[in-house]
């Protein structure tokens, strides 16, 4: 079942260029991962320091494997220095209510 992942980041003043460079690397690496479908980056109209990345994966397992990937974690650690707050993650599943295993 497909999954939409919402990733919210609040960027420090003057650090957008650094963040976008790292996000481009993130996206490039994600595109080579099993189950990756698509992704987009949105900037808040009210607060241009707030970014929302929406990525779509074939399954929650595919997303979680990428979320725990050591290269992704290393890139995420580099991003943290440019953020005002920790990155927030929300996962949404298409369709019916999922059954727990």
PDB file of N, CA and C in Angstrom:
ATOM      1  N   UNK A   1       0.841  -1.172   0.000  1.00  0.00           N
ATOM      2  CA  UNK A   1       0.000   0.000   0.000  1.00  0.00           C
ATOM      3  C   UNK A   1       0.890   1.241   0.000  1.00  0.00           C
ATOM      4  N   UNK A   2       0.633   2.182  -0.896  1.00  0.00           N
ATOM      5  CA  UNK A   2       1.457   3.386  -1.030  1.00  0.00           C
ATOM      6  C   UNK A   2       1.404   4.251   0.226  1.00  0.00           C
ATOM      7  N   UNK A   3       2.494   4.977   0.440  1.00  0.00           N
ATOM      8  CA  UNK A   3       2.652   5.811   1.629  1.00  0.00           C
ATOM      9  C   UNK A   3       3.111   7.201   1.207  1.00  0.00           C
ATOM     10  N   UNK A   4       2.517   8.225   1.811  1.00  0.00           N
ATOM     11  CA  UNK A   4       2.983   9.606   1.664  1.00  0.00           C
ATOM     12  C   UNK A   4       3.689   9.971   2.956  1.00  0.00           C
ATOM     13  N   UNK A   5       4.879  10.517   2.838  1.00  0.00           N
ATOM     14  CA  UNK A   5       5.654  10.931   4.000  1.00  0.00           C
ATOM     15  C   UNK A   5       5.786  12.447   3.966  1.00  0.00           C
ATOM     16  N   UNK A   6       5.386  13.094   5.071  1.00  0.00           N
ATOM     17  CA  UNK A   6       5.515  14.540   5.218  1.00  0.00           C
ATOM     18  C   UNK A   6       6.702  14.812   6.145  1.00  0.00           C
ATOM     19  N   UNK A   7       7.656  15.588   5.647  1.00  0.00           N
ATOM     20  CA  UNK A   7       8.855  15.902   6.418  1.00  0.00           C
ATOM     21  C   UNK A   7       8.939  17.421   6.522  1.00  0.00           C
ATOM     22  N   UNK A   8       8.792  17.932   7.746  1.00  0.00           N
ATOM     23  CA  UNK A   8       8.776  19.376   7.966  1.00  0.00           C
ATOM     24  C   UNK A   8      10.080  19.820   8.614  1.00  0.00           C
ATOM     25  N   UNK A   9      10.651  20.893   8.036  1.00  0.00           N
ATOM     26  CA  UNK A   9      11.895  21.448   8.568  1.00  0.00           C
ATOM     27  C   UNK A   9      11.771  22.963   8.677  1.00  0.00           C
ATOM     28  N   UNK A  10      12.332  23.520   9.757  1.00  0.00           N
ATOM     29  CA  UNK A  10      12.373  24.964   9.969  1.00  0.00           C
ATOM     30  C   UNK A  10      13.828  25.411   9.842  1.00  0.00           C
ATOM     31  N   UNK A  11      14.101  26.192   8.813  1.00  0.00           N
ATOM     32  CA  UNK A  11      15.467  26.585   8.475  1.00  0.00           C
ATOM     33  C   UNK A  11      15.873  27.859   9.214  1.00  0.00           C
ATOM     34  N   UNK A  12      17.127  27.881   9.666  1.00  0.00           N
ATOM     35  CA  UNK A  12      17.677  29.088  10.277  1.00  0.00           C
ATOM     36  C   UNK A  12      17.812  30.182   9.215  1.00  0.00           C
ATOM     37  N   UNK A  13      17.700  31.419   9.667  1.00  0.00           N
ATOM     38  CA  UNK A  13      17.862  32.589   8.798  1.00  0.00           C
ATOM     39  C   UNK A  13      19.183  32.499   8.032  1.00  0.00           C
ATOM     40  N   UNK A  14      19.117  32.719   6.720  1.00  0.00           N
ATOM     41  CA  UNK A  14      20.314  32.762   5.893  1.00  0.00           C
ATOM     42  C   UNK A  14      20.913  31.415   5.521  1.00  0.00           C
ATOM     43  N   UNK A  15      20.240  30.319   5.837  1.00  0.00           N
ATOM     44  CA  UNK A  15      20.797  28.981   5.588  1.00  0.00           C
ATOM     45  C   UNK A  15      20.063  28.205   4.494  1.00  0.00           C
ATOM     46  N   UNK A  16      19.166  28.861   3.781  1.00  0.00           N
ATOM     47  CA  UNK A  16      18.365  28.171   2.765  1.00  0.00           C
ATOM     48  C   UNK A  16      19.235  27.536   1.684  1.00  0.00           C
ATOM     49  N   UNK A  17      20.255  28.236   1.217  1.00  0.00           N
ATOM     50  CA  UNK A  17      21.114  27.700   0.154  1.00  0.00           C
ATOM     51  C   UNK A  17      21.771  26.394   0.600  1.00  0.00           C
ATOM     52  N   UNK A  18      22.279  26.369   1.833  1.00  0.00           N
ATOM     53  CA  UNK A  18      22.907  25.159   2.371  1.00  0.00           C
ATOM     54  C   UNK A  18      21.902  24.017   2.476  1.00  0.00           C
ATOM     55  N   UNK A  19      20.716  24.339   2.957  1.00  0.00           N
ATOM     56  CA  UNK A  19      19.680  23.318   3.140  1.00  0.00           C
ATOM     57  C   UNK A  19      19.237  22.745   1.796  1.00  0.00           C
ATOM     58  N   UNK A  20      19.002  23.605   0.816  1.00  0.00           N
ATOM     59  CA  UNK A  20      18.555  23.110  -0.485  1.00  0.00           C
ATOM     60  C   UNK A  20      19.614  22.239  -1.155  1.00  0.00           C
ATOM     61  N   UNK A  21      20.881  22.558  -0.968  1.00  0.00           N
ATOM     62  CA  UNK A  21      21.947  21.709  -1.520  1.00  0.00           C
ATOM     63  C   UNK A  21      21.886  20.311  -0.908  1.00  0.00           C
ATOM     64  N   UNK A  22      21.691  20.240   0.404  1.00  0.00           N
ATOM     65  CA  UNK A  22      21.602  18.937   1.073  1.00  0.00           C
ATOM     66  C   UNK A  22      20.312  18.202   0.714  1.00  0.00           C
ATOM     67  N   UNK A  23      19.218  18.948   0.572  1.00  0.00           N
ATOM     68  CA  UNK A  23      17.953  18.314   0.187  1.00  0.00           C
ATOM     69  C   UNK A  23      18.030  17.742  -1.224  1.00  0.00           C
ATOM     70  N   UNK A  24      18.732  18.425  -2.114  1.00  0.00           N
ATOM     71  CA  UNK A  24      18.915  17.888  -3.470  1.00  0.00           C
ATOM     72  C   UNK A  24      19.688  16.580  -3.431  1.00  0.00           C
ATOM     73  N   UNK A  25      20.681  16.508  -2.552  1.00  0.00           N
ATOM     74  CA  UNK A  25      21.439  15.265  -2.389  1.00  0.00           C
ATOM     75  C   UNK A  25      20.527  14.169  -1.835  1.00  0.00           C
ATOM     76  N   UNK A  26      19.715  14.540  -0.832  1.00  0.00           N
ATOM     77  CA  UNK A  26      18.736  13.599  -0.258  1.00  0.00           C
ATOM     78  C   UNK A  26      17.847  13.022  -1.356  1.00  0.00           C
ATOM     79  N   UNK A  27      17.263  13.913  -2.157  1.00  0.00           N
ATOM     80  CA  UNK A  27      16.322  13.483  -3.192  1.00  0.00           C
ATOM     81  C   UNK A  27      17.020  12.605  -4.217  1.00  0.00           C
ATOM     82  N   UNK A  28      18.205  12.997  -4.630  1.00  0.00           N
ATOM     83  CA  UNK A  28      18.959  12.208  -5.605  1.00  0.00           C
ATOM     84  C   UNK A  28      19.218  10.796  -5.085  1.00  0.00           C
ATOM     85  N   UNK A  29      19.607  10.686  -3.837  1.00  0.00           N
ATOM     86  CA  UNK A  29      19.849   9.370  -3.232  1.00  0.00           C
ATOM     87  C   UNK A  29      18.551   8.582  -3.067  1.00  0.00           C
ATOM     88  N   UNK A  30      17.485   9.260  -2.675  1.00  0.00           N
ATOM     89  CA  UNK A  30      16.193   8.587  -2.474  1.00  0.00           C
ATOM     90  C   UNK A  30      15.679   7.981  -3.778  1.00  0.00           C
ATOM     91  N   UNK A  31      15.922   8.665  -4.882  1.00  0.00           N
ATOM     92  CA  UNK A  31      15.428   8.194  -6.178  1.00  0.00           C
ATOM     93  C   UNK A  31      15.988   6.820  -6.547  1.00  0.00           C
ATOM     94  N   UNK A  32      17.102   6.446  -5.955  1.00  0.00           N
ATOM     95  CA  UNK A  32      17.717   5.146  -6.234  1.00  0.00           C
ATOM     96  C   UNK A  32      17.310   4.062  -5.238  1.00  0.00           C
ATOM     97  N   UNK A  33      16.404   4.397  -4.327  1.00  0.00           N
ATOM     98  CA  UNK A  33      16.000   3.440  -3.297  1.00  0.00           C
ATOM     99  C   UNK A  33      14.789   2.631  -3.737  1.00  0.00           C
ATOM    100  N   UNK A  34      14.743   1.406  -3.288  1.00  0.00           N
ATOM    101  CA  UNK A  34      13.612   0.529  -3.590  1.00  0.00           C
ATOM    102  C   UNK A  34      12.318   1.155  -3.067  1.00  0.00           C
ATOM    103  N   UNK A  35      11.326   1.238  -3.933  1.00  0.00           N
ATOM    104  CA  UNK A  35      10.012   1.704  -3.524  1.00  0.00           C
ATOM    105  C   UNK A  35       9.774   3.193  -3.643  1.00  0.00           C
ATOM    106  N   UNK A  36      10.806   3.981  -3.953  1.00  0.00           N
ATOM    107  CA  UNK A  36      10.619   5.426  -4.090  1.00  0.00           C
ATOM    108  C   UNK A  36       9.786   5.704  -5.334  1.00  0.00           C
ATOM    109  N   UNK A  37       8.771   6.555  -5.199  1.00  0.00           N
ATOM    110  CA  UNK A  37       7.923   6.913  -6.334  1.00  0.00           C
ATOM    111  C   UNK A  37       8.181   8.349  -6.768  1.00  0.00           C
ATOM    112  N   UNK A  38       8.018   9.289  -5.845  1.00  0.00           N
ATOM    113  CA  UNK A  38       8.189  10.699  -6.193  1.00  0.00           C
ATOM    114  C   UNK A  38       8.397  11.533  -4.937  1.00  0.00           C
ATOM    115  N   UNK A  39       8.807  12.779  -5.143  1.00  0.00           N
ATOM    116  CA  UNK A  39       8.968  13.698  -4.028  1.00  0.00           C
ATOM    117  C   UNK A  39       8.858  15.135  -4.503  1.00  0.00           C
ATOM    118  N   UNK A  40       8.468  16.002  -3.585  1.00  0.00           N
ATOM    119  CA  UNK A  40       8.399  17.429  -3.889  1.00  0.00           C
ATOM    120  C   UNK A  40       8.714  18.212  -2.631  1.00  0.00           C
ATOM    121  N   UNK A  41       9.232  19.417  -2.821  1.00  0.00           N
ATOM    122  CA  UNK A  41       9.565  20.286  -1.700  1.00  0.00           C
ATOM    123  C   UNK A  41       8.725  21.547  -1.810  1.00  0.00           C
ATOM    124  N   UNK A  42       8.026  21.875  -0.728  1.00  0.00           N
ATOM    125  CA  UNK A  42       7.175  23.058  -0.680  1.00  0.00           C
ATOM    126  C   UNK A  42       7.695  24.018   0.377  1.00  0.00           C
ATOM    127  N   UNK A  43       7.549  25.322   0.100  1.00  0.00           N
ATOM    128  CA  UNK A  43       7.930  26.354   1.053  1.00  0.00           C
ATOM    129  C   UNK A  43       6.655  27.041   1.537  1.00  0.00           C
ATOM    130  N   UNK A  44       6.549  27.261   2.832  1.00  0.00           N
ATOM    131  CA  UNK A  44       5.365  27.896   3.397  1.00  0.00           C
ATOM    132  C   UNK A  44       5.206  29.322   2.861  1.00  0.00           C
ATOM    133  N   UNK A  45       4.002  29.653   2.458  1.00  0.00           N
ATOM    134  CA  UNK A  45       3.700  31.008   1.996  1.00  0.00           C
ATOM    135  C   UNK A  45       3.833  32.004   3.143  1.00  0.00           C
ATOM    136  N   UNK A  46       3.359  31.616   4.340  1.00  0.00           N
ATOM    137  CA  UNK A  46       3.396  32.499   5.501  1.00  0.00           C
ATOM    138  C   UNK A  46       4.781  32.582   6.132  1.00  0.00           C
ATOM    139  N   UNK A  47       5.567  31.517   6.030  1.00  0.00           N
ATOM    140  CA  UNK A  47       6.882  31.471   6.672  1.00  0.00           C
ATOM    141  C   UNK A  47       7.873  30.786   5.731  1.00  0.00           C
ATOM    142  N   UNK A  48       8.642  31.571   4.959  1.00  0.00           N
ATOM    143  CA  UNK A  48       9.557  30.973   3.986  1.00  0.00           C
ATOM    144  C   UNK A  48      10.695  30.169   4.606  1.00  0.00           C
ATOM    145  N   UNK A  49      10.793  30.162   5.930  1.00  0.00           N
ATOM    146  CA  UNK A  49      11.808  29.351   6.614  1.00  0.00           C
ATOM    147  C   UNK A  49      11.271  27.961   6.960  1.00  0.00           C
ATOM    148  N   UNK A  50      10.018  27.715   6.610  1.00  0.00           N
ATOM    149  CA  UNK A  50       9.396  26.415   6.874  1.00  0.00           C
ATOM    150  C   UNK A  50       9.252  25.651   5.558  1.00  0.00           C
ATOM    151  N   UNK A  51       9.887  24.479   5.501  1.00  0.00           N
ATOM    152  CA  UNK A  51       9.826  23.630   4.309  1.00  0.00           C
ATOM    153  C   UNK A  51       9.065  22.354   4.614  1.00  0.00           C
ATOM    154  N   UNK A  52       8.324  21.890   3.624  1.00  0.00           N
ATOM    155  CA  UNK A  52       7.628  20.618   3.729  1.00  0.00           C
ATOM    156  C   UNK A  52       8.031  19.760   2.534  1.00  0.00           C
ATOM    157  N   UNK A  53       8.641  18.626   2.805  1.00  0.00           N
ATOM    158  CA  UNK A  53       8.969  17.662   1.760  1.00  0.00           C
ATOM    159  C   UNK A  53       7.898  16.580   1.804  1.00  0.00           C
ATOM    160  N   UNK A  54       7.321  16.290   0.656  1.00  0.00           N
ATOM    161  CA  UNK A  54       6.326  15.225   0.543  1.00  0.00           C
ATOM    162  C   UNK A  54       6.906  14.169  -0.390  1.00  0.00           C
ATOM    163  N   UNK A  55       7.100  12.977   0.140  1.00  0.00           N
ATOM    164  CA  UNK A  55       7.603  11.893  -0.706  1.00  0.00           C
ATOM    165  C   UNK A  55       6.601  10.747  -0.708  1.00  0.00           C
ATOM    166  N   UNK A  56       6.568  10.029  -1.812  1.00  0.00           N
ATOM    167  CA  UNK A  56       5.650   8.909  -1.970  1.00  0.00           C
ATOM    168  C   UNK A  56       6.462   7.638  -2.172  1.00  0.00           C
ATOM    169  N   UNK A  57       6.077   6.611  -1.415  1.00  0.00           N
ATOM    170  CA  UNK A  57       6.774   5.318  -1.429  1.00  0.00           C
ATOM    171  C   UNK A  57       5.770   4.211  -1.691  1.00  0.00           C
ATOM    172  N   UNK A  58       6.237   3.106  -2.258  1.00  0.00           N
ATOM    173  CA  UNK A  58       5.357   1.975  -2.547  1.00  0.00           C
ATOM    174  C   UNK A  58       4.845   1.309  -1.278  1.00  0.00           C
ATOM    175  N   UNK A  59       5.630   1.358  -0.200  1.00  0.00           N
ATOM    176  CA  UNK A  59       5.193   0.745   1.061  1.00  0.00           C
ATOM    177  C   UNK A  59       5.864   1.438   2.238  1.00  0.00           C
ATOM    178  N   UNK A  60       5.293   1.264   3.415  1.00  0.00           N
ATOM    179  CA  UNK A  60       5.890   1.814   4.630  1.00  0.00           C
ATOM    180  C   UNK A  60       7.247   1.165   4.889  1.00  0.00           C
ATOM    181  N   UNK A  61       7.383  -0.092   4.531  1.00  0.00           N
ATOM    182  CA  UNK A  61       8.661  -0.790   4.725  1.00  0.00           C
ATOM    183  C   UNK A  61       9.761  -0.163   3.871  1.00  0.00           C
ATOM    184  N   UNK A  62       9.413   0.215   2.625  1.00  0.00           N
ATOM    185  CA  UNK A  62      10.397   0.878   1.762  1.00  0.00           C
ATOM    186  C   UNK A  62      10.838   2.204   2.366  1.00  0.00           C
ATOM    187  N   UNK A  63       9.871   2.987   2.846  1.00  0.00           N
ATOM    188  CA  UNK A  63      10.194   4.271   3.461  1.00  0.00           C
ATOM    189  C   UNK A  63      11.056   4.083   4.708  1.00  0.00           C
ATOM    190  N   UNK A  64      10.660   3.177   5.583  1.00  0.00           N
ATOM    191  CA  UNK A  64      11.406   2.978   6.828  1.00  0.00           C
ATOM    192  C   UNK A  64      12.829   2.487   6.564  1.00  0.00           C
ATOM    193  N   UNK A  65      13.006   1.675   5.527  1.00  0.00           N
ATOM    194  CA  UNK A  65      14.357   1.227   5.166  1.00  0.00           C
ATOM    195  C   UNK A  65      15.205   2.427   4.748  1.00  0.00           C
ATOM    196  N   UNK A  66      14.629   3.338   3.981  1.00  0.00           N
ATOM    197  CA  UNK A  66      15.360   4.537   3.567  1.00  0.00           C
ATOM    198  C   UNK A  66      15.587   5.477   4.755  1.00  0.00           C
ATOM    199  N   UNK A  67      14.592   5.630   5.599  1.00  0.00           N
ATOM    200  CA  UNK A  67      14.735   6.509   6.766  1.00  0.00           C
ATOM    201  C   UNK A  67      15.889   6.052   7.651  1.00  0.00           C
ATOM    202  N   UNK A  68      16.119   4.752   7.750  1.00  0.00           N
ATOM    203  CA  UNK A  68      17.180   4.201   8.600  1.00  0.00           C
ATOM    204  C   UNK A  68      18.504   3.994   7.858  1.00  0.00           C
ATOM    205  N   UNK A  69      18.543   4.305   6.571  1.00  0.00           N
ATOM    206  CA  UNK A  69      19.754   4.144   5.764  1.00  0.00           C
ATOM    207  C   UNK A  69      20.894   5.000   6.332  1.00  0.00           C
ATOM    208  N   UNK A  70      22.085   4.424   6.456  1.00  0.00           N
ATOM    209  CA  UNK A  70      23.217   5.124   7.090  1.00  0.00           C
ATOM    210  C   UNK A  70      23.628   6.372   6.315  1.00  0.00           C
ATOM    211  N   UNK A  71      23.571   6.338   4.986  1.00  0.00           N
ATOM    212  CA  UNK A  71      23.926   7.516   4.194  1.00  0.00           C
ATOM    213  C   UNK A  71      22.899   8.629   4.379  1.00  0.00           C
ATOM    214  N   UNK A  72      21.624   8.251   4.466  1.00  0.00           N
ATOM    215  CA  UNK A  72      20.580   9.247   4.701  1.00  0.00           C
ATOM    216  C   UNK A  72      20.755   9.876   6.076  1.00  0.00           C
ATOM    217  N   UNK A  73      21.039   9.041   7.064  1.00  0.00           N
ATOM    218  CA  UNK A  73      21.236   9.556   8.425  1.00  0.00           C
ATOM    219  C   UNK A  73      22.425  10.515   8.489  1.00  0.00           C
ATOM    220  N   UNK A  74      23.491  10.212   7.755  1.00  0.00           N
ATOM    221  CA  UNK A  74      24.664  11.093   7.730  1.00  0.00           C
ATOM    222  C   UNK A  74      24.307  12.438   7.100  1.00  0.00           C
ATOM    223  N   UNK A  75      23.545  12.413   6.021  1.00  0.00           N
ATOM    224  CA  UNK A  75      23.127  13.651   5.371  1.00  0.00           C
ATOM    225  C   UNK A  75      22.171  14.428   6.270  1.00  0.00           C
ATOM    226  N   UNK A  76      21.294  13.713   6.958  1.00  0.00           N
ATOM    227  CA  UNK A  76      20.353  14.353   7.887  1.00  0.00           C
ATOM    228  C   UNK A  76      21.108  15.034   9.026  1.00  0.00           C
ATOM    229  N   UNK A  77      22.175  14.404   9.503  1.00  0.00           N
ATOM    230  CA  UNK A  77      22.988  15.001  10.571  1.00  0.00           C
ATOM    231  C   UNK A  77      23.613  16.313  10.098  1.00  0.00           C
ATOM    232  N   UNK A  78      24.018  16.383   8.838  1.00  0.00           N
ATOM    233  CA  UNK A  78      24.569  17.627   8.281  1.00  0.00           C
ATOM    234  C   UNK A  78      23.496  18.705   8.220  1.00  0.00           C
ATOM    235  N   UNK A  79      22.265  18.305   7.896  1.00  0.00           N
ATOM    236  CA  UNK A  79      21.152  19.257   7.816  1.00  0.00           C
ATOM    237  C   UNK A  79      20.841  19.901   9.163  1.00  0.00           C
ATOM    238  N   UNK A  80      20.967  19.134  10.233  1.00  0.00           N
ATOM    239  CA  UNK A  80      20.550  19.592  11.563  1.00  0.00           C
ATOM    240  C   UNK A  80      21.181  20.913  11.970  1.00  0.00           C
ATOM    241  N   UNK A  81      22.419  21.164  11.565  1.00  0.00           N
ATOM    242  CA  UNK A  81      23.091  22.402  11.961  1.00  0.00           C
ATOM    243  C   UNK A  81      22.428  23.648  11.368  1.00  0.00           C
ATOM    244  N   UNK A  82      21.639  23.468  10.311  1.00  0.00           N
ATOM    245  CA  UNK A  82      20.990  24.586   9.645  1.00  0.00           C
ATOM    246  C   UNK A  82      19.519  24.741  10.031  1.00  0.00           C
ATOM    247  N   UNK A  83      19.051  23.924  10.978  1.00  0.00           N
ATOM    248  CA  UNK A  83      17.642  23.930  11.358  1.00  0.00           C
ATOM    249  C   UNK A  83      17.417  24.572  12.717  1.00  0.00           C
ATOM    250  N   UNK A  84      16.259  25.218  12.856  1.00  0.00           N
ATOM    251  CA  UNK A  84      15.876  25.831  14.132  1.00  0.00           C
ATOM    252  C   UNK A  84      15.292  24.820  15.106  1.00  0.00           C
ATOM    253  N   UNK A  85      14.790  23.720  14.588  1.00  0.00           N
ATOM    254  CA  UNK A  85      14.125  22.702  15.414  1.00  0.00           C
ATOM    255  C   UNK A  85      14.353  21.342  14.767  1.00  0.00           C
ATOM    256  N   UNK A  86      14.126  20.271  15.523  1.00  0.00           N
ATOM    257  CA  UNK A  86      14.274  18.931  14.935  1.00  0.00           C
ATOM    258  C   UNK A  86      13.309  18.712  13.764  1.00  0.00           C
ATOM    259  N   UNK A  87      13.724  17.907  12.826  1.00  0.00           N
ATOM    260  CA  UNK A  87      12.886  17.535  11.687  1.00  0.00           C
ATOM    261  C   UNK A  87      11.687  16.733  12.185  1.00  0.00           C
ATOM    262  N   UNK A  88      10.506  17.038  11.631  1.00  0.00           N
ATOM    263  CA  UNK A  88       9.276  16.337  12.006  1.00  0.00           C
ATOM    264  C   UNK A  88       8.853  15.410  10.866  1.00  0.00           C
ATOM    265  N   UNK A  89       8.454  14.190  11.215  1.00  0.00           N
ATOM    266  CA  UNK A  89       8.028  13.195  10.228  1.00  0.00           C
ATOM    267  C   UNK A  89       6.603  12.748  10.519  1.00  0.00           C
ATOM    268  N   UNK A  90       5.802  12.628   9.460  1.00  0.00           N
ATOM    269  CA  UNK A  90       4.468  12.030   9.543  1.00  0.00           C
ATOM    270  C   UNK A  90       4.294  11.123   8.337  1.00  0.00           C
ATOM    271  N   UNK A  91       3.821   9.909   8.576  1.00  0.00           N
ATOM    272  CA  UNK A  91       3.574   8.953   7.503  1.00  0.00           C
ATOM    273  C   UNK A  91       2.073   8.741   7.353  1.00  0.00           C
ATOM    274  N   UNK A  92       1.605   8.783   6.103  1.00  0.00           N
ATOM    275  CA  UNK A  92       0.194   8.606   5.795  1.00  0.00           C
ATOM    276  C   UNK A  92       0.043   7.488   4.775  1.00  0.00           C
ATOM    277  N   UNK A  93      -0.892   6.583   5.027  1.00  0.00           N
ATOM    278  CA  UNK A  93      -1.124   5.436   4.156  1.00  0.00           C
ATOM    279  C   UNK A  93      -2.383   5.675   3.331  1.00  0.00           C
ATOM    280  N   UNK A  94      -2.316   5.375   2.050  1.00  0.00           N
ATOM    281  CA  UNK A  94      -3.471   5.498   1.164  1.00  0.00           C
ATOM    282  C   UNK A  94      -4.494   4.417   1.483  1.00  0.00           C
ATOM    283  N   UNK A  95      -5.751   4.754   1.302  1.00  0.00           N
ATOM    284  CA  UNK A  95      -6.794   3.739   1.370  1.00  0.00           C
ATOM    285  C   UNK A  95      -7.316   3.464   2.757  1.00  0.00           C
ATOM    286  N   UNK A  96      -7.533   2.182   3.030  1.00  0.00           N
ATOM    287  CA  UNK A  96      -8.196   1.759   4.252  1.00  0.00           C
ATOM    288  C   UNK A  96      -7.281   1.816   5.460  1.00  0.00           C
ATOM    289  N   UNK A  97      -7.891   1.730   6.616  1.00  0.00           N
ATOM    290  CA  UNK A  97      -7.147   1.723   7.870  1.00  0.00           C
ATOM    291  C   UNK A  97      -6.240   0.500   7.906  1.00  0.00           C
ATOM    292  N   UNK A  98      -4.947   0.706   8.190  1.00  0.00           N
ATOM    293  CA  UNK A  98      -4.011  -0.429   8.152  1.00  0.00           C
ATOM    294  C   UNK A  98      -4.204  -1.388   9.321  1.00  0.00           C
ATOM    295  N   UNK A  99      -3.995  -2.641   9.055  1.00  0.00           N
ATOM    296  CA  UNK A  99      -4.032  -3.623  10.142  1.00  0.00           C
ATOM    297  C   UNK A  99      -2.639  -3.729  10.729  1.00  0.00           C
ATOM    298  N   UNK A 100      -2.559  -3.817  12.042  1.00  0.00           N
ATOM    299  CA  UNK A 100      -1.267  -3.953  12.729  1.00  0.00           C
ATOM    300  C   UNK A 100      -0.845  -5.404  12.705  1.00  0.00           C
ATOM    301  N   UNK A 101       0.449  -5.636  12.511  1.00  0.00           N
ATOM    302  CA  UNK A 101       0.972  -7.009  12.497  1.00  0.00           C
ATOM    303  C   UNK A 101       1.359  -7.439  13.875  1.00  0.00           C
TER     304      UNK A 101
END
